[in-house]
Amino acid sequence: MLEDTAGIRRVVLACGTVDLRKGIDGLAMIIGDKYQQNPFEKGTLFLFCGKRSDRLKGLLWMGTGFLLLYKRFEDGRMSWPRTTQEAAELTEEQFNYLMLGLNPLDPKIKDVDSKKIY
């Protein structure tokens, strides 16, 4: 579904916190310097979270320029992995968990669709 909608083939979660006041250039620099990844990789969505867990930013290279995404949860907060300073690649299912406000890297999450959380 992500690939059909925006050409997204890969989602990379930047664990830990990032200053969300940063724009495209600042986030692209973090991708390269801190996570040793290529921000110009077409089809890769990089996701960032700040200290407040109610919003996130995404950066996507479209081939001719960057797309900067911003999401703010109106009700509640996300459970964002903060313990590691590494980037984690997400499956489409894990991305959907994140958009529901759940920590996609939590091994206890087994079946969100049927409301079973272990």
PDB file of N, CA and C in Angstrom:
ATOM      1  N   MET A   1       0.810  -1.195   0.000  1.00  0.00           N
ATOM      2  CA  MET A   1       0.000   0.000   0.000  1.00  0.00           C
ATOM      3  C   MET A   1       0.859   1.268   0.000  1.00  0.00           C
ATOM      4  N   LEU A   2       1.899   1.295   0.822  1.00  0.00           N
ATOM      5  CA  LEU A   2       2.762   2.473   0.860  1.00  0.00           C
ATOM      6  C   LEU A   2       3.427   2.712  -0.492  1.00  0.00           C
ATOM      7  N   GLU A   3       3.834   1.629  -1.143  1.00  0.00           N
ATOM      8  CA  GLU A   3       4.491   1.782  -2.437  1.00  0.00           C
ATOM      9  C   GLU A   3       3.514   2.296  -3.478  1.00  0.00           C
ATOM     10  N   ASP A   4       2.285   1.835  -3.422  1.00  0.00           N
ATOM     11  CA  ASP A   4       1.275   2.295  -4.371  1.00  0.00           C
ATOM     12  C   ASP A   4       0.952   3.767  -4.191  1.00  0.00           C
ATOM     13  N   THR A   5       0.878   4.212  -2.958  1.00  0.00           N
ATOM     14  CA  THR A   5       0.471   5.581  -2.656  1.00  0.00           C
ATOM     15  C   THR A   5       1.559   6.600  -2.938  1.00  0.00           C
ATOM     16  N   ALA A   6       2.756   6.379  -2.410  1.00  0.00           N
ATOM     17  CA  ALA A   6       3.808   7.397  -2.506  1.00  0.00           C
ATOM     18  C   ALA A   6       5.128   6.851  -3.029  1.00  0.00           C
ATOM     19  N   GLY A   7       5.145   5.628  -3.513  1.00  0.00           N
ATOM     20  CA  GLY A   7       6.394   5.050  -3.990  1.00  0.00           C
ATOM     21  C   GLY A   7       7.341   4.666  -2.870  1.00  0.00           C
ATOM     22  N   ILE A   8       6.805   4.472  -1.669  1.00  0.00           N
ATOM     23  CA  ILE A   8       7.637   4.122  -0.511  1.00  0.00           C
ATOM     24  C   ILE A   8       7.860   2.616  -0.497  1.00  0.00           C
ATOM     25  N   ARG A   9       9.127   2.232  -0.584  1.00  0.00           N
ATOM     26  CA  ARG A   9       9.483   0.817  -0.555  1.00  0.00           C
ATOM     27  C   ARG A   9      10.120   0.414   0.765  1.00  0.00           C
ATOM     28  N   ARG A  10      10.569   1.415   1.518  1.00  0.00           N
ATOM     29  CA  ARG A  10      11.305   1.146   2.756  1.00  0.00           C
ATOM     30  C   ARG A  10      11.003   2.253   3.753  1.00  0.00           C
ATOM     31  N   VAL A  11      10.795   1.885   5.025  1.00  0.00           N
ATOM     32  CA  VAL A  11      10.572   2.854   6.089  1.00  0.00           C
ATOM     33  C   VAL A  11      11.648   2.644   7.142  1.00  0.00           C
ATOM     34  N   VAL A  12      12.362   3.739   7.476  1.00  0.00           N
ATOM     35  CA  VAL A  12      13.443   3.672   8.459  1.00  0.00           C
ATOM     36  C   VAL A  12      13.080   4.581   9.621  1.00  0.00           C
ATOM     37  N   LEU A  13      13.061   4.007  10.798  1.00  0.00           N
ATOM     38  CA  LEU A  13      12.728   4.717  12.026  1.00  0.00           C
ATOM     39  C   LEU A  13      14.009   5.164  12.710  1.00  0.00           C
ATOM     40  N   ALA A  14      14.151   6.462  12.920  1.00  0.00           N
ATOM     41  CA  ALA A  14      15.309   6.996  13.642  1.00  0.00           C
ATOM     42  C   ALA A  14      14.977   6.939  15.126  1.00  0.00           C
ATOM     43  N   CYS A  15      15.447   5.888  15.793  1.00  0.00           N
ATOM     44  CA  CYS A  15      15.149   5.701  17.214  1.00  0.00           C
ATOM     45  C   CYS A  15      15.799   6.812  18.031  1.00  0.00           C
ATOM     46  N   GLY A  16      15.272   7.054  19.206  1.00  0.00           N
ATOM     47  CA  GLY A  16      15.755   8.142  20.030  1.00  0.00           C
ATOM     48  C   GLY A  16      14.987   9.411  19.691  1.00  0.00           C
ATOM     49  N   THR A  17      15.512  10.552  20.077  1.00  0.00           N
ATOM     50  CA  THR A  17      14.817  11.811  19.813  1.00  0.00           C
ATOM     51  C   THR A  17      15.631  12.696  18.884  1.00  0.00           C
ATOM     52  N   VAL A  18      14.902  13.527  18.150  1.00  0.00           N
ATOM     53  CA  VAL A  18      15.493  14.482  17.216  1.00  0.00           C
ATOM     54  C   VAL A  18      14.804  15.823  17.447  1.00  0.00           C
ATOM     55  N   ASP A  19      15.543  16.897  17.286  1.00  0.00           N
ATOM     56  CA  ASP A  19      14.967  18.234  17.387  1.00  0.00           C
ATOM     57  C   ASP A  19      14.071  18.459  16.168  1.00  0.00           C
ATOM     58  N   LEU A  20      12.766  18.461  16.373  1.00  0.00           N
ATOM     59  CA  LEU A  20      11.823  18.580  15.263  1.00  0.00           C
ATOM     60  C   LEU A  20      11.757  19.988  14.679  1.00  0.00           C
ATOM     61  N   ARG A  21      12.524  20.926  15.224  1.00  0.00           N
ATOM     62  CA  ARG A  21      12.613  22.244  14.597  1.00  0.00           C
ATOM     63  C   ARG A  21      13.480  22.184  13.346  1.00  0.00           C
ATOM     64  N   LYS A  22      14.221  21.101  13.201  1.00  0.00           N
ATOM     65  CA  LYS A  22      15.076  20.940  12.022  1.00  0.00           C
ATOM     66  C   LYS A  22      14.210  20.775  10.780  1.00  0.00           C
ATOM     67  N   GLY A  23      14.720  21.284   9.695  1.00  0.00           N
ATOM     68  CA  GLY A  23      14.049  21.167   8.408  1.00  0.00           C
ATOM     69  C   GLY A  23      14.682  20.071   7.573  1.00  0.00           C
ATOM     70  N   ILE A  24      14.481  20.169   6.274  1.00  0.00           N
ATOM     71  CA  ILE A  24      14.954  19.145   5.352  1.00  0.00           C
ATOM     72  C   ILE A  24      16.471  18.952   5.448  1.00  0.00           C
ATOM     73  N   ASP A  25      17.221  20.033   5.372  1.00  0.00           N
ATOM     74  CA  ASP A  25      18.687  19.920   5.381  1.00  0.00           C
ATOM     75  C   ASP A  25      19.205  19.334   6.687  1.00  0.00           C
ATOM     76  N   GLY A  26      18.655  19.773   7.810  1.00  0.00           N
ATOM     77  CA  GLY A  26      19.086  19.257   9.110  1.00  0.00           C
ATOM     78  C   GLY A  26      18.770  17.787   9.285  1.00  0.00           C
ATOM     79  N   LEU A  27      17.582  17.366   8.855  1.00  0.00           N
ATOM     80  CA  LEU A  27      17.202  15.958   8.970  1.00  0.00           C
ATOM     81  C   LEU A  27      18.029  15.095   8.022  1.00  0.00           C
ATOM     82  N   ALA A  28      18.289  15.596   6.809  1.00  0.00           N
ATOM     83  CA  ALA A  28      19.116  14.848   5.854  1.00  0.00           C
ATOM     84  C   ALA A  28      20.532  14.666   6.411  1.00  0.00           C
ATOM     85  N   MET A  29      21.048  15.682   7.096  1.00  0.00           N
ATOM     86  CA  MET A  29      22.377  15.589   7.694  1.00  0.00           C
ATOM     87  C   MET A  29      22.380  14.535   8.804  1.00  0.00           C
ATOM     88  N   ILE A  30      21.330  14.478   9.603  1.00  0.00           N
ATOM     89  CA  ILE A  30      21.243  13.466  10.666  1.00  0.00           C
ATOM     90  C   ILE A  30      21.227  12.067  10.063  1.00  0.00           C
ATOM     91  N   ILE A  31      20.481  11.893   8.981  1.00  0.00           N
ATOM     92  CA  ILE A  31      20.406  10.591   8.317  1.00  0.00           C
ATOM     93  C   ILE A  31      21.796  10.128   7.897  1.00  0.00           C
ATOM     94  N   GLY A  32      22.567  11.035   7.308  1.00  0.00           N
ATOM     95  CA  GLY A  32      23.898  10.670   6.836  1.00  0.00           C
ATOM     96  C   GLY A  32      24.925  10.549   7.943  1.00  0.00           C
ATOM     97  N   ASP A  33      24.961  11.523   8.844  1.00  0.00           N
ATOM     98  CA  ASP A  33      26.004  11.553   9.878  1.00  0.00           C
ATOM     99  C   ASP A  33      25.754  10.580  11.017  1.00  0.00           C
ATOM    100  N   LYS A  34      24.566  10.615  11.575  1.00  0.00           N
ATOM    101  CA  LYS A  34      24.271   9.814  12.768  1.00  0.00           C
ATOM    102  C   LYS A  34      23.941   8.361  12.440  1.00  0.00           C
ATOM    103  N   TYR A  35      23.222   8.151  11.336  1.00  0.00           N
ATOM    104  CA  TYR A  35      22.754   6.800  11.015  1.00  0.00           C
ATOM    105  C   TYR A  35      23.477   6.170   9.831  1.00  0.00           C
ATOM    106  N   GLN A  36      24.430   6.886   9.229  1.00  0.00           N
ATOM    107  CA  GLN A  36      25.205   6.380   8.095  1.00  0.00           C
ATOM    108  C   GLN A  36      24.312   5.785   6.996  1.00  0.00           C
ATOM    109  N   GLN A  37      23.248   6.512   6.670  1.00  0.00           N
ATOM    110  CA  GLN A  37      22.341   6.095   5.599  1.00  0.00           C
ATOM    111  C   GLN A  37      22.309   7.192   4.548  1.00  0.00           C
ATOM    112  N   ASN A  38      21.841   6.870   3.366  1.00  0.00           N
ATOM    113  CA  ASN A  38      21.780   7.820   2.271  1.00  0.00           C
ATOM    114  C   ASN A  38      20.407   8.492   2.225  1.00  0.00           C
ATOM    115  N   PRO A  39      20.313   9.787   2.546  1.00  0.00           N
ATOM    116  CA  PRO A  39      19.010  10.453   2.525  1.00  0.00           C
ATOM    117  C   PRO A  39      18.439  10.593   1.113  1.00  0.00           C
ATOM    118  N   PHE A  40      19.269  10.394   0.086  1.00  0.00           N
ATOM    119  CA  PHE A  40      18.828  10.507  -1.302  1.00  0.00           C
ATOM    120  C   PHE A  40      18.411   9.164  -1.894  1.00  0.00           C
ATOM    121  N   GLU A  41      18.154   8.197  -1.051  1.00  0.00           N
ATOM    122  CA  GLU A  41      17.707   6.886  -1.519  1.00  0.00           C
ATOM    123  C   GLU A  41      16.218   6.982  -1.853  1.00  0.00           C
ATOM    124  N   LYS A  42      15.916   6.917  -3.134  1.00  0.00           N
ATOM    125  CA  LYS A  42      14.532   7.079  -3.577  1.00  0.00           C
ATOM    126  C   LYS A  42      13.665   5.936  -3.038  1.00  0.00           C
ATOM    127  N   GLY A  43      12.502   6.307  -2.518  1.00  0.00           N
ATOM    128  CA  GLY A  43      11.569   5.320  -1.997  1.00  0.00           C
ATOM    129  C   GLY A  43      11.770   4.971  -0.540  1.00  0.00           C
ATOM    130  N   THR A  44      12.711   5.648   0.145  1.00  0.00           N
ATOM    131  CA  THR A  44      12.943   5.381   1.563  1.00  0.00           C
ATOM    132  C   THR A  44      12.410   6.540   2.392  1.00  0.00           C
ATOM    133  N   LEU A  45      11.474   6.237   3.268  1.00  0.00           N
ATOM    134  CA  LEU A  45      10.886   7.216   4.181  1.00  0.00           C
ATOM    135  C   LEU A  45      11.609   7.114   5.517  1.00  0.00           C
ATOM    136  N   PHE A  46      12.227   8.219   5.948  1.00  0.00           N
ATOM    137  CA  PHE A  46      12.897   8.281   7.242  1.00  0.00           C
ATOM    138  C   PHE A  46      11.964   8.998   8.215  1.00  0.00           C
ATOM    139  N   LEU A  47      11.722   8.403   9.382  1.00  0.00           N
ATOM    140  CA  LEU A  47      10.821   8.962  10.379  1.00  0.00           C
ATOM    141  C   LEU A  47      11.582   9.396  11.626  1.00  0.00           C
ATOM    142  N   PHE A  48      11.189  10.547  12.181  1.00  0.00           N
ATOM    143  CA  PHE A  48      11.837  11.136  13.354  1.00  0.00           C
ATOM    144  C   PHE A  48      10.786  11.542  14.370  1.00  0.00           C
ATOM    145  N   CYS A  49      11.154  11.466  15.658  1.00  0.00           N
ATOM    146  CA  CYS A  49      10.270  11.896  16.735  1.00  0.00           C
ATOM    147  C   CYS A  49      11.061  12.803  17.672  1.00  0.00           C
ATOM    148  N   GLY A  50      10.395  13.823  18.211  1.00  0.00           N
ATOM    149  CA  GLY A  50      11.024  14.718  19.162  1.00  0.00           C
ATOM    150  C   GLY A  50      10.787  14.259  20.592  1.00  0.00           C
ATOM    151  N   LYS A  51      11.031  15.149  21.547  1.00  0.00           N
ATOM    152  CA  LYS A  51      10.824  14.810  22.953  1.00  0.00           C
ATOM    153  C   LYS A  51       9.352  14.589  23.266  1.00  0.00           C
ATOM    154  N   ARG A  52       8.496  15.395  22.644  1.00  0.00           N
ATOM    155  CA  ARG A  52       7.055  15.181  22.801  1.00  0.00           C
ATOM    156  C   ARG A  52       6.673  14.051  21.866  1.00  0.00           C
ATOM    157  N   SER A  53       5.975  13.097  22.343  1.00  0.00           N
ATOM    158  CA  SER A  53       5.653  11.916  21.539  1.00  0.00           C
ATOM    159  C   SER A  53       4.326  12.044  20.805  1.00  0.00           C
ATOM    160  N   ASP A  54       3.856  13.267  20.623  1.00  0.00           N
ATOM    161  CA  ASP A  54       2.571  13.424  19.944  1.00  0.00           C
ATOM    162  C   ASP A  54       2.734  13.897  18.501  1.00  0.00           C
ATOM    163  N   ARG A  55       3.970  13.937  18.005  1.00  0.00           N
ATOM    164  CA  ARG A  55       4.204  14.365  16.625  1.00  0.00           C
ATOM    165  C   ARG A  55       5.456  13.715  16.066  1.00  0.00           C
ATOM    166  N   LEU A  56       5.479  13.588  14.748  1.00  0.00           N
ATOM    167  CA  LEU A  56       6.644  13.036  14.076  1.00  0.00           C
ATOM    168  C   LEU A  56       6.855  13.743  12.753  1.00  0.00           C
ATOM    169  N   LYS A  57       8.072  13.632  12.230  1.00  0.00           N
ATOM    170  CA  LYS A  57       8.414  14.166  10.913  1.00  0.00           C
ATOM    171  C   LYS A  57       8.941  13.022  10.075  1.00  0.00           C
ATOM    172  N   GLY A  58       8.674  13.123   8.792  1.00  0.00           N
ATOM    173  CA  GLY A  58       9.181  12.154   7.845  1.00  0.00           C
ATOM    174  C   GLY A  58       9.887  12.871   6.708  1.00  0.00           C
ATOM    175  N   LEU A  59      10.906  12.241   6.172  1.00  0.00           N
ATOM    176  CA  LEU A  59      11.653  12.802   5.056  1.00  0.00           C
ATOM    177  C   LEU A  59      11.756  11.741   3.973  1.00  0.00           C
ATOM    178  N   LEU A  60      11.350  12.126   2.766  1.00  0.00           N
ATOM    179  CA  LEU A  60      11.309  11.194   1.643  1.00  0.00           C
ATOM    180  C   LEU A  60      11.890  11.869   0.410  1.00  0.00           C
ATOM    181  N   TRP A  61      12.924  11.250  -0.187  1.00  0.00           N
ATOM    182  CA  TRP A  61      13.499  11.761  -1.431  1.00  0.00           C
ATOM    183  C   TRP A  61      12.639  11.246  -2.577  1.00  0.00           C
ATOM    184  N   MET A  62      12.139  12.167  -3.400  1.00  0.00           N
ATOM    185  CA  MET A  62      11.217  11.818  -4.483  1.00  0.00           C
ATOM    186  C   MET A  62      11.923  11.732  -5.841  1.00  0.00           C
ATOM    187  N   GLY A  63      13.225  11.911  -5.864  1.00  0.00           N
ATOM    188  CA  GLY A  63      13.968  11.859  -7.111  1.00  0.00           C
ATOM    189  C   GLY A  63      14.296  13.246  -7.641  1.00  0.00           C
ATOM    190  N   THR A  64      13.381  14.184  -7.453  1.00  0.00           N
ATOM    191  CA  THR A  64      13.615  15.556  -7.903  1.00  0.00           C
ATOM    192  C   THR A  64      13.619  16.536  -6.742  1.00  0.00           C
ATOM    193  N   GLY A  65      13.381  16.042  -5.545  1.00  0.00           N
ATOM    194  CA  GLY A  65      13.343  16.880  -4.358  1.00  0.00           C
ATOM    195  C   GLY A  65      12.840  16.083  -3.172  1.00  0.00           C
ATOM    196  N   PHE A  66      12.916  16.703  -1.996  1.00  0.00           N
ATOM    197  CA  PHE A  66      12.472  16.055  -0.768  1.00  0.00           C
ATOM    198  C   PHE A  66      11.017  16.377  -0.483  1.00  0.00           C
ATOM    199  N   LEU A  67      10.342  15.423   0.120  1.00  0.00           N
ATOM    200  CA  LEU A  67       9.003  15.614   0.659  1.00  0.00           C
ATOM    201  C   LEU A  67       9.146  15.558   2.173  1.00  0.00           C
ATOM    202  N   LEU A  68       8.726  16.620   2.858  1.00  0.00           N
ATOM    203  CA  LEU A  68       8.793  16.682   4.311  1.00  0.00           C
ATOM    204  C   LEU A  68       7.389  16.464   4.851  1.00  0.00           C
ATOM    205  N   LEU A  69       7.237  15.440   5.653  1.00  0.00           N
ATOM    206  CA  LEU A  69       5.937  15.084   6.220  1.00  0.00           C
ATOM    207  C   LEU A  69       5.914  15.437   7.699  1.00  0.00           C
ATOM    208  N   TYR A  70       4.751  15.795   8.183  1.00  0.00           N
ATOM    209  CA  TYR A  70       4.596  16.143   9.591  1.00  0.00           C
ATOM    210  C   TYR A  70       3.257  15.588  10.059  1.00  0.00           C
ATOM    211  N   LYS A  71       3.271  14.822  11.126  1.00  0.00           N
ATOM    212  CA  LYS A  71       2.030  14.281  11.678  1.00  0.00           C
ATOM    213  C   LYS A  71       1.958  14.639  13.143  1.00  0.00           C
ATOM    214  N   ARG A  72       0.787  15.130  13.552  1.00  0.00           N
ATOM    215  CA  ARG A  72       0.528  15.421  14.957  1.00  0.00           C
ATOM    216  C   ARG A  72      -0.693  14.612  15.366  1.00  0.00           C
ATOM    217  N   PHE A  73      -0.522  13.826  16.418  1.00  0.00           N
ATOM    218  CA  PHE A  73      -1.641  13.055  16.951  1.00  0.00           C
ATOM    219  C   PHE A  73      -2.501  13.991  17.790  1.00  0.00           C
ATOM    220  N   GLU A  74      -3.756  14.065  17.493  1.00  0.00           N
ATOM    221  CA  GLU A  74      -4.669  14.940  18.227  1.00  0.00           C
ATOM    222  C   GLU A  74      -5.034  14.374  19.590  1.00  0.00           C
ATOM    223  N   ASP A  75      -5.042  13.057  19.691  1.00  0.00           N
ATOM    224  CA  ASP A  75      -5.427  12.422  20.941  1.00  0.00           C
ATOM    225  C   ASP A  75      -4.400  11.345  21.283  1.00  0.00           C
ATOM    226  N   GLY A  76      -3.685  11.525  22.347  1.00  0.00           N
ATOM    227  CA  GLY A  76      -2.712  10.531  22.778  1.00  0.00           C
ATOM    228  C   GLY A  76      -1.316  10.784  22.250  1.00  0.00           C
ATOM    229  N   ARG A  77      -0.457   9.825  22.493  1.00  0.00           N
ATOM    230  CA  ARG A  77       0.945   9.913  22.104  1.00  0.00           C
ATOM    231  C   ARG A  77       1.395   8.591  21.510  1.00  0.00           C
ATOM    232  N   MET A  78       2.503   8.651  20.793  1.00  0.00           N
ATOM    233  CA  MET A  78       3.096   7.440  20.233  1.00  0.00           C
ATOM    234  C   MET A  78       4.006   6.804  21.274  1.00  0.00           C
ATOM    235  N   SER A  79       4.173   5.533  21.140  1.00  0.00           N
ATOM    236  CA  SER A  79       5.169   4.825  21.930  1.00  0.00           C
ATOM    237  C   SER A  79       6.380   4.654  21.022  1.00  0.00           C
ATOM    238  N   TRP A  80       7.356   5.557  21.159  1.00  0.00           N
ATOM    239  CA  TRP A  80       8.505   5.612  20.261  1.00  0.00           C
ATOM    240  C   TRP A  80       9.715   4.997  20.940  1.00  0.00           C
ATOM    241  N   PRO A  81      10.445   4.121  20.263  1.00  0.00           N
ATOM    242  CA  PRO A  81      11.638   3.527  20.880  1.00  0.00           C
ATOM    243  C   PRO A  81      12.708   4.581  21.135  1.00  0.00           C
ATOM    244  N   ARG A  82      13.084   4.753  22.392  1.00  0.00           N
ATOM    245  CA  ARG A  82      14.017   5.811  22.775  1.00  0.00           C
ATOM    246  C   ARG A  82      15.350   5.289  23.288  1.00  0.00           C
ATOM    247  N   THR A  83      15.463   4.009  23.517  1.00  0.00           N
ATOM    248  CA  THR A  83      16.652   3.491  24.188  1.00  0.00           C
ATOM    249  C   THR A  83      17.856   3.353  23.271  1.00  0.00           C
ATOM    250  N   THR A  84      17.648   3.205  22.003  1.00  0.00           N
ATOM    251  CA  THR A  84      18.769   2.998  21.094  1.00  0.00           C
ATOM    252  C   THR A  84      18.981   4.223  20.211  1.00  0.00           C
ATOM    253  N   GLN A  85      20.165   4.414  19.760  1.00  0.00           N
ATOM    254  CA  GLN A  85      20.472   5.526  18.863  1.00  0.00           C
ATOM    255  C   GLN A  85      20.697   5.014  17.442  1.00  0.00           C
ATOM    256  N   GLU A  86      20.135   3.877  17.122  1.00  0.00           N
ATOM    257  CA  GLU A  86      20.282   3.301  15.795  1.00  0.00           C
ATOM    258  C   GLU A  86      19.005   3.504  14.993  1.00  0.00           C
ATOM    259  N   ALA A  87      19.104   3.289  13.723  1.00  0.00           N
ATOM    260  CA  ALA A  87      17.932   3.343  12.852  1.00  0.00           C
ATOM    261  C   ALA A  87      17.411   1.922  12.673  1.00  0.00           C
ATOM    262  N   ALA A  88      16.102   1.775  12.659  1.00  0.00           N
ATOM    263  CA  ALA A  88      15.485   0.469  12.503  1.00  0.00           C
ATOM    264  C   ALA A  88      14.591   0.482  11.273  1.00  0.00           C
ATOM    265  N   GLU A  89      14.722  -0.537  10.450  1.00  0.00           N
ATOM    266  CA  GLU A  89      13.869  -0.637   9.276  1.00  0.00           C
ATOM    267  C   GLU A  89      12.544  -1.279   9.689  1.00  0.00           C
ATOM    268  N   LEU A  90      11.445  -0.692   9.231  1.00  0.00           N
ATOM    269  CA  LEU A  90      10.115  -1.166   9.591  1.00  0.00           C
ATOM    270  C   LEU A  90       9.455  -1.873   8.419  1.00  0.00           C
ATOM    271  N   THR A  91       8.657  -2.871   8.749  1.00  0.00           N
ATOM    272  CA  THR A  91       7.797  -3.476   7.745  1.00  0.00           C
ATOM    273  C   THR A  91       6.561  -2.590   7.592  1.00  0.00           C
ATOM    274  N   GLU A  92       5.767  -2.854   6.585  1.00  0.00           N
ATOM    275  CA  GLU A  92       4.547  -2.063   6.411  1.00  0.00           C
ATOM    276  C   GLU A  92       3.608  -2.259   7.599  1.00  0.00           C
ATOM    277  N   GLU A  93       3.559  -3.475   8.138  1.00  0.00           N
ATOM    278  CA  GLU A  93       2.729  -3.747   9.309  1.00  0.00           C
ATOM    279  C   GLU A  93       3.201  -2.946  10.522  1.00  0.00           C
ATOM    280  N   GLN A  94       4.514  -2.875  10.728  1.00  0.00           N
ATOM    281  CA  GLN A  94       5.074  -2.100  11.837  1.00  0.00           C
ATOM    282  C   GLN A  94       4.801  -0.606  11.642  1.00  0.00           C
ATOM    283  N   PHE A  95       4.873  -0.124  10.409  1.00  0.00           N
ATOM    284  CA  PHE A  95       4.547   1.272  10.115  1.00  0.00           C
ATOM    285  C   PHE A  95       3.105   1.561  10.499  1.00  0.00           C
ATOM    286  N   ASN A  96       2.205   0.647  10.179  1.00  0.00           N
ATOM    287  CA  ASN A  96       0.795   0.822  10.551  1.00  0.00           C
ATOM    288  C   ASN A  96       0.622   0.855  12.065  1.00  0.00           C
ATOM    289  N   TYR A  97       1.371   0.022  12.792  1.00  0.00           N
ATOM    290  CA  TYR A  97       1.334   0.056  14.256  1.00  0.00           C
ATOM    291  C   TYR A  97       1.753   1.433  14.763  1.00  0.00           C
ATOM    292  N   LEU A  98       2.828   1.968  14.185  1.00  0.00           N
ATOM    293  CA  LEU A  98       3.324   3.280  14.583  1.00  0.00           C
ATOM    294  C   LEU A  98       2.259   4.350  14.360  1.00  0.00           C
ATOM    295  N   MET A  99       1.566   4.293  13.241  1.00  0.00           N
ATOM    296  CA  MET A  99       0.533   5.282  12.943  1.00  0.00           C
ATOM    297  C   MET A  99      -0.669   5.159  13.882  1.00  0.00           C
ATOM    298  N   LEU A 100      -0.797   4.004  14.540  1.00  0.00           N
ATOM    299  CA  LEU A 100      -1.831   3.821  15.565  1.00  0.00           C
ATOM    300  C   LEU A 100      -1.360   4.319  16.931  1.00  0.00           C
ATOM    301  N   GLY A 101      -0.079   4.702  17.023  1.00  0.00           N
ATOM    302  CA  GLY A 101       0.473   5.202  18.281  1.00  0.00           C
ATOM    303  C   GLY A 101       1.202   4.146  19.080  1.00  0.00           C
ATOM    304  N   LEU A 102       1.440   2.983  18.494  1.00  0.00           N
ATOM    305  CA  LEU A 102       2.113   1.892  19.198  1.00  0.00           C
ATOM    306  C   LEU A 102       3.590   1.847  18.845  1.00  0.00           C
ATOM    307  N   ASN A 103       4.387   1.267  19.729  1.00  0.00           N
ATOM    308  CA  ASN A 103       5.810   1.085  19.463  1.00  0.00           C
ATOM    309  C   ASN A 103       5.954  -0.102  18.515  1.00  0.00           C
ATOM    310  N   PRO A 104       6.356   0.133  17.282  1.00  0.00           N
ATOM    311  CA  PRO A 104       6.419  -0.960  16.305  1.00  0.00           C
ATOM    312  C   PRO A 104       7.535  -1.958  16.586  1.00  0.00           C
ATOM    313  N   LEU A 105       8.469  -1.621  17.455  1.00  0.00           N
ATOM    314  CA  LEU A 105       9.583  -2.518  17.758  1.00  0.00           C
ATOM    315  C   LEU A 105       9.371  -3.313  19.040  1.00  0.00           C
ATOM    316  N   ASP A 106       8.230  -3.122  19.679  1.00  0.00           N
ATOM    317  CA  ASP A 106       7.924  -3.825  20.921  1.00  0.00           C
ATOM    318  C   ASP A 106       7.538  -5.268  20.596  1.00  0.00           C
ATOM    319  N   PRO A 107       8.312  -6.249  21.080  1.00  0.00           N
ATOM    320  CA  PRO A 107       8.003  -7.653  20.769  1.00  0.00           C
ATOM    321  C   PRO A 107       6.704  -8.146  21.399  1.00  0.00           C
ATOM    322  N   LYS A 108       6.154  -7.393  22.361  1.00  0.00           N
ATOM    323  CA  LYS A 108       4.915  -7.810  23.016  1.00  0.00           C
ATOM    324  C   LYS A 108       3.696  -7.581  22.125  1.00  0.00           C
ATOM    325  N   ILE A 109       3.833  -6.734  21.111  1.00  0.00           N
ATOM    326  CA  ILE A 109       2.701  -6.456  20.234  1.00  0.00           C
ATOM    327  C   ILE A 109       2.602  -7.585  19.225  1.00  0.00           C
ATOM    328  N   LYS A 110       1.530  -8.339  19.331  1.00  0.00           N
ATOM    329  CA  LYS A 110       1.359  -9.492  18.462  1.00  0.00           C
ATOM    330  C   LYS A 110       0.221  -9.298  17.467  1.00  0.00           C
ATOM    331  N   ASP A 111      -0.920  -8.822  17.957  1.00  0.00           N
ATOM    332  CA  ASP A 111      -2.094  -8.775  17.099  1.00  0.00           C
ATOM    333  C   ASP A 111      -2.922  -7.553  17.449  1.00  0.00           C
ATOM    334  N   VAL A 112      -2.581  -6.438  16.881  1.00  0.00           N
ATOM    335  CA  VAL A 112      -3.279  -5.191  17.173  1.00  0.00           C
ATOM    336  C   VAL A 112      -4.671  -5.193  16.588  1.00  0.00           C
ATOM    337  N   ASP A 113      -4.837  -5.814  15.417  1.00  0.00           N
ATOM    338  CA  ASP A 113      -6.140  -5.797  14.748  1.00  0.00           C
ATOM    339  C   ASP A 113      -7.231  -6.447  15.594  1.00  0.00           C
ATOM    340  N   SER A 114      -6.899  -7.467  16.364  1.00  0.00           N
ATOM    341  CA  SER A 114      -7.906  -8.101  17.199  1.00  0.00           C
ATOM    342  C   SER A 114      -7.816  -7.618  18.643  1.00  0.00           C
ATOM    343  N   LYS A 115      -7.104  -6.511  18.871  1.00  0.00           N
ATOM    344  CA  LYS A 115      -6.981  -5.868  20.175  1.00  0.00           C
ATOM    345  C   LYS A 115      -6.270  -6.729  21.208  1.00  0.00           C
ATOM    346  N   LYS A 116      -5.467  -7.684  20.772  1.00  0.00           N
ATOM    347  CA  LYS A 116      -4.684  -8.497  21.707  1.00  0.00           C
ATOM    348  C   LYS A 116      -3.291  -7.909  21.786  1.00  0.00           C
ATOM    349  N   ILE A 117      -2.940  -7.390  22.932  1.00  0.00           N
ATOM    350  CA  ILE A 117      -1.611  -6.866  23.152  1.00  0.00           C
ATOM    351  C   ILE A 117      -1.038  -7.609  24.357  1.00  0.00           C
ATOM    352  N   TYR A 118       0.067  -8.299  24.166  1.00  0.00           N
ATOM    353  CA  TYR A 118       0.638  -9.141  25.216  1.00  0.00           C
ATOM    354  C   TYR A 118       1.671  -8.417  26.007  1.00  0.00           C
TER     355      TYR A 118
END
